[in-house]
Amino acid sequence: MGRTVIPYSQILEQEKGRWQKFRRALRREDQEHLDRLFELARLHTQAGVYASQPWPLEVILMSILLEHQKALAELRERLRQLEGEGAADGDEGLAL
């Protein structure tokens, strides 16, 4: 008989559970940020299911990084608009 594949959403919750001792050692405001990181990872559940990586934490971290990259790009664009520079000339990495 074949092995049952655990749903990705359940894997995400298990991984979050593995980090609970770490979370408890953080300051309250940092705990909230850690919780938000796992919420960001949940935004990419479909991609996590599709990827089916042997190390789920890699998919979770990549999902978090993707959301951070999107937020960073949005902040860069807002900064350019505020400075009156107009649209972006291309991806400049982390430079503002």
N, C-alpha and C. Protein backbone atom coordinates (compact mmCIF):
# COMPACT_ATOMS: atom_id res chain seq x y z
N MET A 1 0.83 -1.18 0.00
CA MET A 1 0.00 0.00 0.00
C MET A 1 0.88 1.25 0.00
N GLY A 2 0.46 2.29 -0.69
CA GLY A 2 1.24 3.53 -0.78
C GLY A 2 1.18 4.35 0.50
N ARG A 3 2.14 5.24 0.62
CA ARG A 3 2.17 6.11 1.79
C ARG A 3 1.21 7.28 1.60
N THR A 4 0.62 7.71 2.70
CA THR A 4 -0.27 8.85 2.67
C THR A 4 0.56 10.13 2.72
N VAL A 5 0.23 11.07 1.85
CA VAL A 5 0.94 12.34 1.82
C VAL A 5 0.23 13.31 2.76
N ILE A 6 0.98 13.89 3.66
CA ILE A 6 0.42 14.84 4.62
C ILE A 6 0.11 16.14 3.87
N PRO A 7 -1.07 16.72 4.09
CA PRO A 7 -1.42 17.99 3.43
C PRO A 7 -0.42 19.08 3.81
N TYR A 8 -0.10 19.93 2.86
CA TYR A 8 0.90 20.97 3.09
C TYR A 8 0.48 21.89 4.23
N SER A 9 -0.80 22.22 4.33
CA SER A 9 -1.24 23.10 5.42
C SER A 9 -0.95 22.47 6.78
N GLN A 10 -1.04 21.16 6.87
CA GLN A 10 -0.72 20.46 8.11
C GLN A 10 0.79 20.47 8.36
N ILE A 11 1.57 20.33 7.31
CA ILE A 11 3.03 20.40 7.43
C ILE A 11 3.44 21.77 7.93
N LEU A 12 2.80 22.80 7.40
CA LEU A 12 3.09 24.17 7.82
C LEU A 12 2.80 24.35 9.31
N GLU A 13 1.69 23.81 9.78
CA GLU A 13 1.35 23.89 11.21
C GLU A 13 2.35 23.11 12.06
N GLN A 14 2.79 21.95 11.57
CA GLN A 14 3.78 21.17 12.31
C GLN A 14 5.09 21.94 12.43
N GLU A 15 5.49 22.57 11.34
CA GLU A 15 6.73 23.35 11.35
C GLU A 15 6.61 24.53 12.31
N LYS A 16 5.47 25.17 12.29
CA LYS A 16 5.22 26.28 13.22
C LYS A 16 5.33 25.78 14.65
N GLY A 17 4.80 24.60 14.91
CA GLY A 17 4.87 24.00 16.25
C GLY A 17 6.30 23.71 16.68
N ARG A 18 7.13 23.32 15.73
CA ARG A 18 8.54 23.05 16.04
C ARG A 18 9.26 24.29 16.54
N TRP A 19 8.77 25.46 16.17
CA TRP A 19 9.42 26.71 16.52
C TRP A 19 8.82 27.36 17.78
N GLN A 20 7.93 26.67 18.48
CA GLN A 20 7.26 27.27 19.63
C GLN A 20 8.20 27.60 20.79
N LYS A 21 9.19 26.75 21.06
CA LYS A 21 10.14 27.07 22.14
C LYS A 21 10.93 28.32 21.79
N PHE A 22 11.34 28.42 20.54
CA PHE A 22 12.05 29.61 20.07
C PHE A 22 11.15 30.83 20.23
N ARG A 23 9.89 30.69 19.84
CA ARG A 23 8.94 31.79 19.92
C ARG A 23 8.79 32.28 21.35
N ARG A 24 8.65 31.34 22.29
CA ARG A 24 8.47 31.71 23.70
C ARG A 24 9.66 32.48 24.26
N ALA A 25 10.84 32.26 23.71
CA ALA A 25 12.04 32.94 24.19
C ALA A 25 12.16 34.36 23.64
N LEU A 26 11.34 34.70 22.66
CA LEU A 26 11.38 36.03 22.05
C LEU A 26 10.58 37.04 22.87
N ARG A 27 10.92 38.32 22.68
CA ARG A 27 10.09 39.38 23.27
C ARG A 27 8.72 39.35 22.60
N ARG A 28 7.73 39.89 23.29
CA ARG A 28 6.36 39.83 22.78
C ARG A 28 6.23 40.40 21.37
N GLU A 29 6.84 41.56 21.12
CA GLU A 29 6.71 42.16 19.78
C GLU A 29 7.39 41.29 18.73
N ASP A 30 8.46 40.61 19.11
CA ASP A 30 9.12 39.71 18.17
C ASP A 30 8.29 38.45 17.93
N GLN A 31 7.57 38.01 18.95
CA GLN A 31 6.67 36.86 18.78
C GLN A 31 5.62 37.18 17.73
N GLU A 32 5.11 38.40 17.76
CA GLU A 32 4.09 38.81 16.79
C GLU A 32 4.67 38.81 15.38
N HIS A 33 5.91 39.23 15.24
CA HIS A 33 6.55 39.23 13.92
C HIS A 33 6.78 37.81 13.43
N LEU A 34 7.18 36.92 14.31
CA LEU A 34 7.36 35.52 13.93
C LEU A 34 6.03 34.91 13.48
N ASP A 35 4.97 35.21 14.22
CA ASP A 35 3.65 34.72 13.83
C ASP A 35 3.28 35.23 12.44
N ARG A 36 3.60 36.49 12.17
CA ARG A 36 3.29 37.07 10.86
C ARG A 36 4.07 36.37 9.75
N LEU A 37 5.30 35.96 10.02
CA LEU A 37 6.08 35.24 9.01
C LEU A 37 5.39 33.95 8.61
N PHE A 38 4.86 33.23 9.58
CA PHE A 38 4.15 32.00 9.25
C PHE A 38 2.84 32.29 8.51
N GLU A 39 2.21 33.43 8.83
CA GLU A 39 1.02 33.83 8.08
C GLU A 39 1.38 34.12 6.62
N LEU A 40 2.53 34.75 6.41
CA LEU A 40 2.98 35.03 5.04
C LEU A 40 3.22 33.74 4.28
N ALA A 41 3.79 32.76 4.94
CA ALA A 41 4.04 31.47 4.29
C ALA A 41 2.73 30.82 3.87
N ARG A 42 1.70 31.01 4.66
CA ARG A 42 0.39 30.41 4.36
C ARG A 42 -0.20 31.00 3.07
N LEU A 43 0.20 32.20 2.70
CA LEU A 43 -0.30 32.82 1.48
C LEU A 43 0.09 32.04 0.23
N HIS A 44 1.10 31.18 0.35
CA HIS A 44 1.62 30.44 -0.80
C HIS A 44 1.42 28.93 -0.63
N THR A 45 0.31 28.57 -0.03
CA THR A 45 0.01 27.15 0.19
C THR A 45 -0.04 26.38 -1.13
N GLN A 46 -0.67 26.95 -2.14
CA GLN A 46 -0.78 26.26 -3.43
C GLN A 46 0.60 25.93 -4.00
N ALA A 47 1.51 26.90 -3.94
CA ALA A 47 2.86 26.67 -4.46
C ALA A 47 3.58 25.62 -3.62
N GLY A 48 3.35 25.63 -2.32
CA GLY A 48 3.96 24.63 -1.44
C GLY A 48 3.49 23.23 -1.75
N VAL A 49 2.22 23.09 -2.04
CA VAL A 49 1.67 21.79 -2.43
C VAL A 49 2.31 21.32 -3.73
N TYR A 50 2.42 22.22 -4.67
CA TYR A 50 2.96 21.88 -5.98
C TYR A 50 4.44 21.53 -5.91
N ALA A 51 5.19 22.25 -5.07
CA ALA A 51 6.63 22.04 -4.97
C ALA A 51 6.97 20.67 -4.39
N SER A 52 6.20 20.23 -3.41
CA SER A 52 6.40 18.94 -2.72
C SER A 52 7.88 18.66 -2.45
N GLN A 53 8.55 19.61 -1.80
CA GLN A 53 9.96 19.48 -1.44
C GLN A 53 10.13 18.50 -0.27
N PRO A 54 11.26 17.80 -0.23
CA PRO A 54 11.50 16.90 0.90
C PRO A 54 11.75 17.66 2.21
N TRP A 55 12.13 18.92 2.13
CA TRP A 55 12.34 19.75 3.31
C TRP A 55 11.35 20.90 3.28
N PRO A 56 10.21 20.74 3.93
CA PRO A 56 9.16 21.76 3.88
C PRO A 56 9.61 23.14 4.35
N LEU A 57 10.57 23.20 5.27
CA LEU A 57 11.01 24.50 5.76
C LEU A 57 11.56 25.36 4.62
N GLU A 58 12.18 24.74 3.63
CA GLU A 58 12.69 25.49 2.48
C GLU A 58 11.55 26.20 1.75
N VAL A 59 10.45 25.52 1.55
CA VAL A 59 9.30 26.11 0.87
C VAL A 59 8.71 27.23 1.72
N ILE A 60 8.62 27.00 3.02
CA ILE A 60 8.08 28.01 3.93
C ILE A 60 8.95 29.26 3.89
N LEU A 61 10.26 29.08 3.99
CA LEU A 61 11.17 30.22 3.97
C LEU A 61 11.13 30.95 2.64
N MET A 62 11.04 30.22 1.55
CA MET A 62 10.96 30.87 0.24
C MET A 62 9.67 31.68 0.11
N SER A 63 8.58 31.17 0.65
CA SER A 63 7.31 31.91 0.64
C SER A 63 7.43 33.21 1.42
N ILE A 64 8.08 33.14 2.58
CA ILE A 64 8.28 34.33 3.40
C ILE A 64 9.16 35.34 2.66
N LEU A 65 10.24 34.84 2.07
CA LEU A 65 11.14 35.74 1.32
C LEU A 65 10.42 36.39 0.14
N LEU A 66 9.56 35.65 -0.52
CA LEU A 66 8.80 36.20 -1.64
C LEU A 66 7.93 37.37 -1.17
N GLU A 67 7.25 37.19 -0.06
CA GLU A 67 6.41 38.27 0.46
C GLU A 67 7.24 39.47 0.88
N HIS A 68 8.41 39.22 1.46
CA HIS A 68 9.29 40.33 1.83
C HIS A 68 9.80 41.07 0.60
N GLN A 69 10.12 40.33 -0.44
CA GLN A 69 10.58 40.96 -1.68
C GLN A 69 9.48 41.83 -2.29
N LYS A 70 8.25 41.34 -2.26
CA LYS A 70 7.13 42.12 -2.79
C LYS A 70 6.95 43.41 -1.98
N ALA A 71 7.04 43.31 -0.65
CA ALA A 71 6.89 44.48 0.20
C ALA A 71 8.03 45.47 -0.03
N LEU A 72 9.23 44.95 -0.19
CA LEU A 72 10.39 45.81 -0.44
C LEU A 72 10.24 46.55 -1.78
N ALA A 73 9.79 45.85 -2.80
CA ALA A 73 9.58 46.47 -4.11
C ALA A 73 8.52 47.57 -4.02
N GLU A 74 7.46 47.31 -3.27
CA GLU A 74 6.41 48.32 -3.11
C GLU A 74 6.94 49.55 -2.37
N LEU A 75 7.73 49.34 -1.33
CA LEU A 75 8.32 50.46 -0.59
C LEU A 75 9.28 51.26 -1.45
N ARG A 76 10.07 50.57 -2.28
CA ARG A 76 10.97 51.27 -3.19
C ARG A 76 10.20 52.18 -4.14
N GLU A 77 9.12 51.64 -4.68
CA GLU A 77 8.30 52.42 -5.62
C GLU A 77 7.68 53.63 -4.92
N ARG A 78 7.18 53.43 -3.72
CA ARG A 78 6.60 54.56 -2.98
C ARG A 78 7.66 55.63 -2.70
N LEU A 79 8.87 55.19 -2.34
CA LEU A 79 9.95 56.12 -2.07
C LEU A 79 10.31 56.91 -3.33
N ARG A 80 10.39 56.24 -4.46
CA ARG A 80 10.68 56.93 -5.72
C ARG A 80 9.61 57.97 -6.04
N GLN A 81 8.36 57.60 -5.82
CA GLN A 81 7.28 58.54 -6.08
C GLN A 81 7.37 59.74 -5.16
N LEU A 82 7.68 59.50 -3.89
CA LEU A 82 7.79 60.60 -2.93
C LEU A 82 8.97 61.50 -3.26
N GLU A 83 10.03 60.92 -3.77
CA GLU A 83 11.21 61.71 -4.13
C GLU A 83 11.08 62.34 -5.51
N GLY A 84 10.02 62.00 -6.22
CA GLY A 84 9.78 62.57 -7.52
C GLY A 84 10.65 62.00 -8.63
N GLU A 85 11.17 60.80 -8.42
CA GLU A 85 12.03 60.20 -9.43
C GLU A 85 11.25 59.42 -10.47
N GLY A 86 9.99 59.15 -10.23
CA GLY A 86 9.19 58.41 -11.20
C GLY A 86 9.37 56.91 -11.10
N ALA A 87 9.14 56.24 -12.20
CA ALA A 87 9.14 54.77 -12.23
C ALA A 87 10.55 54.21 -12.09
N ALA A 88 10.62 52.94 -11.70
CA ALA A 88 11.89 52.24 -11.51
C ALA A 88 12.58 52.00 -12.84
N ASP A 89 13.91 52.06 -12.83
CA ASP A 89 14.71 51.77 -14.03
C ASP A 89 15.05 50.29 -14.14
N GLY A 90 14.70 49.50 -13.17
CA GLY A 90 15.02 48.07 -13.16
C GLY A 90 15.23 47.62 -11.73
N ASP A 91 15.47 46.35 -11.58
CA ASP A 91 15.68 45.79 -10.25
C ASP A 91 17.09 46.12 -9.79
N GLU A 92 17.18 46.75 -8.62
CA GLU A 92 18.47 47.17 -8.09
C GLU A 92 18.84 46.38 -6.86
N GLY A 93 18.27 45.17 -6.70
CA GLY A 93 18.59 44.38 -5.51
C GLY A 93 18.01 45.03 -4.28
N LEU A 94 18.81 45.17 -3.24
CA LEU A 94 18.33 45.73 -1.99
C LEU A 94 18.58 47.24 -1.89
N ALA A 95 19.26 47.81 -2.86
CA ALA A 95 19.58 49.25 -2.80
C ALA A 95 18.32 50.08 -2.94
N LEU A 96 18.24 51.14 -2.17
CA LEU A 96 17.15 52.10 -2.29
C LEU A 96 17.67 53.21 -3.07
